[in-house]
Amino acid sequence: MSLPRFSLLVPTVAFFLQALAPVHAGQDIRTDYKMEQPVLESAFPYEKGAHEVQVGVGYFTSLSSGTEERPDLDYALGTVRYGWMLTSARPGDGLSGNLEFLIDLYGGGVTDGPSGVLAGATLLLRYNLVPGTSKLVPYVQLGAGGLFNNIY
């Protein structure tokens, strides 16, 4: 696969994954056939067993003028991150939190500078600080991963 095709593949995949994300948003209503009454399932995203998908694209550029030893390097990068909630947080319980495990896959291509591609993965363990009903959820995370590149 040539570099121009690869450079277009990552943003295209990211766009379609992002378009599918709202399908699972909000609260699901199912029917409990024993009671014949609608049962509202929880929409609280920080419960044990819940999943999340994050999709991102970005463009990175060198701000300094390159030298012969270290040339400028500009590249586009796409990422898909999938997370599983390992524990539950209790909403409204002060600043409670939960543990989450994430896998981050990313890749992209160089657009200016020595030609090449970048691809990698990261494993993350995150502690979400869930402050009741707030939409803002700070977190602390620790991760390890690797990056392959063929930039010479």
Protein backbone atom coordinates (compact mmCIF):
# COMPACT_ATOMS: atom_id res chain seq x y z
CA MET A 1 0.00 0.00 0.00
CA SER A 2 1.49 3.32 -1.01
CA LEU A 3 1.81 6.24 1.40
CA PRO A 4 -0.91 8.50 -0.15
CA ARG A 5 -3.52 5.71 0.09
CA PHE A 6 -2.50 4.92 3.70
CA SER A 7 -2.70 8.61 4.63
CA LEU A 8 -6.32 8.71 3.41
CA LEU A 9 -7.28 5.36 4.96
CA VAL A 10 -6.82 6.41 8.62
CA PRO A 11 -9.08 9.52 8.50
CA THR A 12 -11.70 7.61 6.46
CA VAL A 13 -11.89 4.75 8.98
CA ALA A 14 -11.96 7.25 11.85
CA PHE A 15 -14.85 9.14 10.22
CA PHE A 16 -16.99 6.01 9.85
CA LEU A 17 -16.26 4.83 13.40
CA GLN A 18 -17.18 8.26 14.74
CA ALA A 19 -20.43 8.22 12.72
CA LEU A 20 -21.42 4.90 14.36
CA ALA A 21 -20.72 6.09 17.94
CA PRO A 22 -24.07 7.95 18.50
CA VAL A 23 -26.00 4.73 17.80
CA HIS A 24 -25.28 3.59 21.37
CA ALA A 25 -25.83 6.94 23.08
CA GLY A 26 -28.59 7.63 25.61
CA GLN A 27 -30.82 5.28 27.54
CA ASP A 28 -32.10 2.01 26.11
CA ILE A 29 -35.58 0.81 26.93
CA ARG A 30 -36.25 -2.91 26.83
CA THR A 31 -39.31 -4.91 27.77
CA ASP A 32 -39.11 -7.28 30.70
CA TYR A 33 -41.39 -10.06 29.44
CA LYS A 34 -42.07 -11.48 32.91
CA MET A 35 -43.65 -8.23 34.16
CA GLU A 36 -44.76 -6.84 30.74
CA GLN A 37 -43.52 -3.40 31.82
CA PRO A 38 -40.84 -1.27 30.21
CA VAL A 39 -37.61 -1.34 32.20
CA LEU A 40 -35.21 1.58 31.92
CA GLU A 41 -31.60 0.45 31.68
CA SER A 42 -28.94 2.62 33.24
CA ALA A 43 -27.27 5.24 31.07
CA PHE A 44 -24.59 5.93 33.66
CA PRO A 45 -21.40 5.24 31.66
CA TYR A 46 -19.16 4.46 34.67
CA GLU A 47 -20.65 1.12 35.70
CA LYS A 48 -18.69 -2.13 35.74
CA GLY A 49 -18.87 -3.82 32.34
CA ALA A 50 -19.69 -0.66 30.35
CA HIS A 51 -17.67 0.01 27.19
CA GLU A 52 -16.61 3.15 25.39
CA VAL A 53 -15.05 4.00 22.03
CA GLN A 54 -12.98 7.08 21.30
CA VAL A 55 -11.92 8.06 17.79
CA GLY A 56 -9.48 10.81 16.97
CA VAL A 57 -7.50 12.27 14.11
CA GLY A 58 -4.77 14.86 14.26
CA TYR A 59 -2.05 16.58 12.31
CA PHE A 60 1.35 17.21 13.88
CA THR A 61 3.93 19.65 12.58
CA SER A 62 7.46 20.75 13.50
CA LEU A 63 7.63 24.32 14.78
CA SER A 64 11.39 24.78 14.50
CA SER A 65 13.39 24.93 11.31
CA GLY A 66 14.92 21.56 10.56
CA THR A 67 18.61 20.81 10.43
CA GLU A 68 20.52 18.23 8.45
CA GLU A 69 20.81 16.00 11.54
CA ARG A 70 17.17 16.49 12.54
CA PRO A 71 14.87 17.47 9.63
CA ASP A 72 11.31 18.80 10.01
CA LEU A 73 8.69 16.09 10.37
CA ASP A 74 4.97 16.63 9.75
CA TYR A 75 2.52 13.74 9.94
CA ALA A 76 -1.17 12.84 10.18
CA LEU A 77 -2.26 10.35 12.83
CA GLY A 78 -5.53 8.52 13.48
CA THR A 79 -6.41 6.65 16.68
CA VAL A 80 -9.10 4.32 17.93
CA ARG A 81 -9.35 3.71 21.68
CA TYR A 82 -11.62 1.07 23.24
CA GLY A 83 -12.28 0.99 26.98
CA TRP A 84 -13.88 -1.37 29.52
CA MET A 85 -15.06 -0.25 32.94
CA LEU A 86 -13.54 -2.63 35.53
CA THR A 87 -15.36 -1.20 38.57
CA SER A 88 -18.44 0.96 39.19
CA ALA A 89 -18.53 4.53 40.44
CA ARG A 90 -21.36 5.68 42.72
CA PRO A 91 -22.88 8.89 41.32
CA GLY A 92 -23.55 11.58 43.89
CA ASP A 93 -21.05 10.03 46.31
CA GLY A 94 -18.71 13.03 46.46
CA LEU A 95 -15.76 12.50 44.15
CA SER A 96 -16.02 8.75 43.71
CA GLY A 97 -14.32 7.03 40.83
CA ASN A 98 -13.85 3.84 38.90
CA LEU A 99 -11.11 1.88 37.13
CA GLU A 100 -11.07 1.51 33.36
CA PHE A 101 -8.84 -0.56 31.05
CA LEU A 102 -8.19 0.83 27.53
CA ILE A 103 -6.51 -0.33 24.33
CA ASP A 104 -5.32 2.42 22.00
CA LEU A 105 -4.40 1.64 18.35
CA TYR A 106 -2.98 4.38 16.16
CA GLY A 107 -1.32 4.92 12.80
CA GLY A 108 -0.52 7.52 10.20
CA GLY A 109 1.86 8.73 7.57
CA VAL A 110 4.46 11.44 7.10
CA THR A 111 3.25 14.35 4.97
CA ASP A 112 6.41 16.50 5.03
CA GLY A 113 9.93 15.34 5.77
CA PRO A 114 11.53 11.91 5.42
CA SER A 115 8.87 9.55 4.08
CA GLY A 116 7.49 6.79 6.25
CA VAL A 117 4.62 5.51 8.33
CA LEU A 118 3.92 5.29 12.07
CA ALA A 119 1.80 2.62 13.78
CA GLY A 120 1.49 1.53 17.37
CA ALA A 121 -0.56 0.45 20.34
CA THR A 122 -0.87 1.43 23.99
CA LEU A 123 -2.42 -0.34 26.99
CA LEU A 124 -3.82 2.06 29.59
CA LEU A 125 -5.21 1.81 33.11
CA ARG A 126 -7.32 4.85 33.98
CA TYR A 127 -8.98 6.05 37.19
CA ASN A 128 -11.99 8.27 36.36
CA LEU A 129 -12.84 10.82 39.08
CA VAL A 130 -16.63 10.94 38.72
CA PRO A 131 -18.02 14.07 40.44
CA GLY A 132 -21.74 13.24 40.69
CA THR A 133 -23.79 14.64 37.80
CA SER A 134 -21.05 16.80 36.24
CA LYS A 135 -20.32 16.37 32.53
CA LEU A 136 -16.61 17.03 33.19
CA VAL A 137 -14.80 13.88 34.39
CA PRO A 138 -11.09 14.30 35.17
CA TYR A 139 -8.93 11.18 35.17
CA VAL A 140 -5.46 9.87 35.98
CA GLN A 141 -3.98 7.18 33.77
CA LEU A 142 -0.88 5.07 33.38
CA GLY A 143 0.08 3.32 30.16
CA ALA A 144 2.72 1.50 28.20
CA GLY A 145 2.98 0.89 24.50
CA GLY A 146 5.11 0.81 21.42
CA LEU A 147 5.52 2.57 18.11
CA PHE A 148 6.76 1.21 14.78
CA ASN A 149 8.07 3.57 12.15
CA ASN A 150 10.15 3.30 9.01
CA ILE A 151 11.27 6.92 8.88
CA TYR A 152 14.93 7.16 7.91
